[in-house]
Amino acid sequence: MSNGETANTFGAFIKDRRITNTGMSLREFCLANGIDPGNFSKLERGMMEPPNGEETLARYAEALKIERNSDDWFRLFDLAAAERGRIPHDLLNDSELVGKLPAVFRTLRQRRVDDDDLEELAQLIRRS
């Protein structure tokens, strides 16, 4: 996998970014950044839930050479939140958006949604 966009799990994404952005092996990366290699390996393999703390995620992003507020930055946080069954904190702070979420959930439950439908839904949300 060479493109973070194809990494649909937190673990696959951080592994892809580690390899692509740093070129380091897991052990080299962890030693260089003061991260426990056993736990990071479990994260990459999806054997451990992503961290909940924003500070920890930001530390990982920095170590993975992910630019703050870039698409990859938000993807890291979004994948972590999704795998923990949460809505990202920055979205929860938008009361107007939060008020629209129940309608989104109802729509998703009522029928199977394909990629085109999801893209259309994303465009509608961005414009609202």
Protein backbone atom coordinates (compact mmCIF):
# COMPACT_ATOMS: atom_id res chain seq x y z
CA MET A 1 0.00 0.00 0.00
CA SER A 2 1.56 3.28 -1.01
CA ASN A 3 -1.27 5.74 -0.64
CA GLY A 4 -2.77 6.67 2.73
CA GLU A 5 -6.14 7.12 1.02
CA THR A 6 -6.33 3.36 0.51
CA ALA A 7 -5.66 2.72 4.20
CA ASN A 8 -9.15 2.37 5.64
CA THR A 9 -8.16 1.44 9.17
CA PHE A 10 -6.17 3.34 11.75
CA GLY A 11 -3.51 0.62 11.84
CA ALA A 12 -3.08 0.40 8.08
CA PHE A 13 -2.94 4.19 7.86
CA ILE A 14 -0.22 4.66 10.48
CA LYS A 15 1.82 1.81 9.00
CA ASP A 16 1.52 3.34 5.54
CA ARG A 17 2.50 6.80 6.82
CA ARG A 18 5.44 5.33 8.81
CA ILE A 19 6.82 3.59 5.73
CA THR A 20 6.01 6.36 3.23
CA ASN A 21 6.89 9.41 5.33
CA THR A 22 9.81 8.13 7.40
CA GLY A 23 11.16 5.11 5.52
CA MET A 24 11.92 3.55 8.90
CA SER A 25 11.33 0.05 10.15
CA LEU A 26 8.91 -0.27 13.04
CA ARG A 27 11.74 -0.68 15.56
CA GLU A 28 13.76 2.24 14.17
CA PHE A 29 10.70 4.48 14.16
CA CYS A 30 9.74 3.63 17.74
CA LEU A 31 13.28 4.01 19.10
CA ALA A 32 13.70 7.38 17.34
CA ASN A 33 10.42 8.67 18.79
CA GLY A 34 10.31 7.14 22.27
CA ILE A 35 7.34 4.90 21.43
CA ASP A 36 6.90 1.37 22.74
CA PRO A 37 7.45 -0.89 19.70
CA GLY A 38 5.23 -3.68 21.03
CA ASN A 39 2.24 -1.39 21.46
CA PHE A 40 2.82 0.44 18.17
CA SER A 41 3.03 -2.91 16.38
CA LYS A 42 -0.30 -3.88 17.94
CA LEU A 43 -1.78 -0.57 16.73
CA GLU A 44 -0.53 -1.13 13.19
CA ARG A 45 -1.96 -4.66 13.14
CA GLY A 46 -5.32 -3.57 14.57
CA MET A 47 -4.76 -5.62 17.73
CA MET A 48 -5.10 -2.59 20.00
CA GLU A 49 -7.69 0.20 19.99
CA PRO A 50 -6.39 3.58 18.78
CA PRO A 51 -5.53 6.06 21.51
CA ASN A 52 -8.29 8.34 22.76
CA GLY A 53 -6.10 11.24 23.82
CA GLU A 54 -5.57 14.06 21.36
CA GLU A 55 -2.06 14.65 22.75
CA THR A 56 -1.04 11.07 21.99
CA LEU A 57 -2.51 11.23 18.49
CA ALA A 58 -0.77 14.56 17.87
CA ARG A 59 2.52 13.03 19.07
CA TYR A 60 2.05 10.11 16.67
CA ALA A 61 1.21 12.52 13.84
CA GLU A 62 4.38 14.50 14.49
CA ALA A 63 6.48 11.33 14.62
CA LEU A 64 4.87 10.17 11.36
CA LYS A 65 5.77 13.54 9.79
CA ILE A 66 2.13 14.44 9.22
CA GLU A 67 1.62 18.18 8.87
CA ARG A 68 -0.79 19.71 11.38
CA ASN A 69 -4.26 20.40 9.91
CA SER A 70 -3.44 18.57 6.66
CA ASP A 71 -5.78 15.98 5.15
CA ASP A 72 -3.60 13.22 6.65
CA TRP A 73 -3.78 14.93 10.07
CA PHE A 74 -7.57 14.87 10.06
CA ARG A 75 -7.62 11.36 8.59
CA LEU A 76 -5.47 10.08 11.48
CA PHE A 77 -7.83 11.61 14.05
CA ASP A 78 -10.96 10.54 12.14
CA LEU A 79 -9.85 6.93 11.77
CA ALA A 80 -8.96 6.77 15.47
CA ALA A 81 -12.36 8.20 16.46
CA ALA A 82 -14.28 5.94 14.07
CA GLU A 83 -12.59 2.80 15.37
CA ARG A 84 -13.40 3.82 18.94
CA GLY A 85 -17.03 4.42 17.92
CA ARG A 86 -16.81 8.17 18.51
CA ILE A 87 -17.41 11.34 16.56
CA PRO A 88 -14.25 13.47 16.25
CA HIS A 89 -14.02 16.18 18.92
CA ASP A 90 -13.72 19.06 16.46
CA LEU A 91 -17.01 18.03 14.83
CA LEU A 92 -18.76 17.70 18.18
CA ASN A 93 -17.92 21.33 18.87
CA ASP A 94 -20.06 22.40 15.89
CA SER A 95 -23.57 22.41 17.39
CA GLU A 96 -25.25 23.02 14.01
CA LEU A 97 -23.53 19.98 12.49
CA VAL A 98 -24.28 17.82 15.54
CA GLY A 99 -27.94 18.75 15.20
CA LYS A 100 -27.93 17.34 11.65
CA LEU A 101 -26.25 14.06 12.51
CA PRO A 102 -29.43 12.17 13.47
CA ALA A 103 -30.79 12.78 9.96
CA VAL A 104 -27.56 11.46 8.48
CA PHE A 105 -27.75 8.34 10.66
CA ARG A 106 -31.39 7.72 9.70
CA THR A 107 -30.52 8.09 6.02
CA LEU A 108 -27.66 5.62 6.28
CA ARG A 109 -29.83 3.08 8.11
CA GLN A 110 -32.74 3.24 5.66
CA ARG A 111 -30.83 1.89 2.68
CA ARG A 112 -27.50 0.58 1.55
CA VAL A 113 -25.26 3.51 0.60
CA ASP A 114 -22.68 3.15 -2.18
CA ASP A 115 -19.54 5.26 -2.67
CA ASP A 116 -21.30 7.71 -5.01
CA ASP A 117 -24.08 8.24 -2.46
CA LEU A 118 -21.52 8.85 0.29
CA GLU A 119 -19.68 11.38 -1.84
CA GLU A 120 -22.93 13.17 -2.61
CA LEU A 121 -23.83 13.17 1.09
CA ALA A 122 -20.39 14.59 1.94
CA GLN A 123 -20.87 17.38 -0.60
CA LEU A 124 -24.28 18.24 0.87
CA ILE A 125 -22.87 18.36 4.38
CA ARG A 126 -19.99 20.60 3.26
CA ARG A 127 -22.44 23.03 1.66
CA SER A 128 -24.80 23.17 4.65
